[in-house]
Amino acid sequence: MTPYEPRDLAEDWEFKILRSATGGFRKPERLARILDEEARAGWMLVEKFDNQRVRLKRRAEARKNDRQLDFDPYRSHVGTSEGQVVAVAIAIAFALVFTFVLLANLLK
């Protein structure tokens, strides 16, 4: 992980971590599309941690244009949220258990 430079912190930069619960930064074209959208808010890539997290920075003065954006410039997730992934996994687990119980009762 790249450390924050004292100059970055002293020069009024903002930082954020952007996450993708489904590994959305794996494909370069998808990452480029997301970074293009973030650039509209002044954010630029500092580093890609892995396929699920990237660190971005922007000058604090970029906030003045935030009202003109059609997305939240401080969002921390893109794509499917972690909660949605968990909800789908739980629903699938319940469906499998229900199916197993139903089949077990039918085969008796």
Protein backbone atom coordinates (compact mmCIF):
# COMPACT_ATOMS: atom_id res chain seq x y z
CA MET A 1 0.00 0.00 0.00
CA THR A 2 1.38 3.37 -1.02
CA PRO A 3 1.63 5.72 1.98
CA TYR A 4 0.14 9.20 1.91
CA GLU A 5 2.77 11.80 1.20
CA PRO A 6 2.96 14.70 3.69
CA ARG A 7 2.76 17.06 0.71
CA ASP A 8 -0.52 15.46 -0.42
CA LEU A 9 -2.05 15.93 3.01
CA ALA A 10 -0.79 19.51 3.33
CA GLU A 11 -1.97 20.58 -0.13
CA ASP A 12 -5.69 20.08 0.49
CA TRP A 13 -6.23 16.74 -1.25
CA GLU A 14 -9.19 14.48 -0.44
CA PHE A 15 -8.82 10.70 -0.58
CA LYS A 16 -11.30 7.86 -0.82
CA ILE A 17 -11.37 4.12 -1.30
CA LEU A 18 -13.80 2.89 -3.95
CA ARG A 19 -14.97 -0.72 -3.58
CA SER A 20 -16.59 -3.32 -5.80
CA ALA A 21 -18.09 -6.33 -4.02
CA THR A 22 -17.92 -8.46 -7.16
CA GLY A 23 -14.36 -7.75 -8.29
CA GLY A 24 -15.49 -5.11 -10.77
CA PHE A 25 -11.99 -3.69 -11.21
CA ARG A 26 -10.67 -6.95 -12.68
CA LYS A 27 -11.47 -6.00 -16.27
CA PRO A 28 -9.38 -3.04 -17.47
CA GLU A 29 -12.21 -1.66 -19.63
CA ARG A 30 -14.63 -1.64 -16.66
CA LEU A 31 -12.02 0.01 -14.43
CA ALA A 32 -11.38 2.63 -17.12
CA ARG A 33 -15.13 3.33 -17.42
CA ILE A 34 -15.46 3.81 -13.65
CA LEU A 35 -12.35 6.00 -13.47
CA ASP A 36 -13.70 8.14 -16.32
CA GLU A 37 -16.89 8.70 -14.35
CA GLU A 38 -14.95 9.49 -11.16
CA ALA A 39 -12.78 11.94 -13.13
CA ARG A 40 -15.91 14.01 -13.80
CA ALA A 41 -15.87 14.73 -10.05
CA GLY A 42 -12.13 15.44 -10.09
CA TRP A 43 -11.02 12.08 -8.70
CA MET A 44 -7.85 10.45 -10.03
CA LEU A 45 -6.38 7.02 -9.42
CA VAL A 46 -3.66 6.75 -6.78
CA GLU A 47 -3.41 2.98 -6.77
CA LYS A 48 -5.30 -0.23 -7.42
CA PHE A 49 -5.11 -2.44 -4.34
CA ASP A 50 -6.81 -5.46 -5.90
CA ASN A 51 -9.85 -6.28 -8.04
CA GLN A 52 -12.18 -4.97 -5.34
CA ARG A 53 -10.53 -1.74 -4.13
CA VAL A 54 -8.93 1.35 -5.62
CA ARG A 55 -7.69 4.51 -3.90
CA LEU A 56 -8.52 7.88 -5.46
CA LYS A 57 -7.65 11.48 -4.69
CA ARG A 58 -8.85 14.91 -5.75
CA ARG A 59 -8.27 18.52 -4.85
CA ALA A 60 -10.73 19.71 -2.21
CA GLU A 61 -11.66 22.64 -4.46
CA ALA A 62 -13.33 20.15 -6.84
CA ARG A 63 -16.25 20.01 -4.37
CA LYS A 64 -17.68 23.21 -5.84
CA ASN A 65 -18.86 21.25 -8.92
CA ASP A 66 -20.44 18.35 -7.00
CA ARG A 67 -24.03 19.63 -7.39
CA GLN A 68 -23.76 19.34 -11.18
CA LEU A 69 -22.99 15.61 -11.06
CA ASP A 70 -25.53 12.84 -11.61
CA PHE A 71 -23.84 10.58 -9.03
CA ASP A 72 -22.54 10.89 -5.47
CA PRO A 73 -18.91 12.03 -5.70
CA TYR A 74 -18.27 10.54 -2.26
CA ARG A 75 -19.67 7.12 -3.08
CA SER A 76 -17.54 4.31 -1.78
CA HIS A 77 -19.10 1.40 -3.73
CA VAL A 78 -19.81 0.74 -7.39
CA GLY A 79 -21.93 -2.03 -8.83
CA THR A 80 -23.63 -4.59 -6.66
CA SER A 81 -23.29 -3.77 -2.96
CA GLU A 82 -21.92 -6.20 -0.40
CA GLY A 83 -25.39 -6.35 1.19
CA GLN A 84 -26.96 -7.41 -2.10
CA VAL A 85 -24.35 -10.16 -2.55
CA VAL A 86 -25.09 -11.46 0.95
CA ALA A 87 -28.88 -11.29 0.38
CA VAL A 88 -28.59 -13.30 -2.85
CA ALA A 89 -26.35 -15.89 -1.15
CA ILE A 90 -28.83 -16.29 1.71
CA ALA A 91 -31.76 -16.59 -0.72
CA ILE A 92 -29.93 -19.29 -2.69
CA ALA A 93 -29.08 -21.15 0.52
CA PHE A 94 -32.73 -21.09 1.64
CA ALA A 95 -33.89 -22.22 -1.81
CA LEU A 96 -31.46 -25.16 -1.75
CA VAL A 97 -32.53 -26.20 1.74
CA PHE A 98 -36.21 -25.89 0.80
CA THR A 99 -35.65 -27.95 -2.37
CA PHE A 100 -33.73 -30.62 -0.44
CA VAL A 101 -36.48 -30.87 2.21
CA LEU A 102 -39.18 -30.98 -0.45
CA LEU A 103 -37.40 -33.74 -2.40
CA ALA A 104 -36.73 -35.70 0.78
CA ASN A 105 -40.45 -35.61 1.63
CA LEU A 106 -41.48 -36.60 -1.89
CA LEU A 107 -39.13 -39.59 -1.93
CA LYS A 108 -40.47 -41.05 1.34
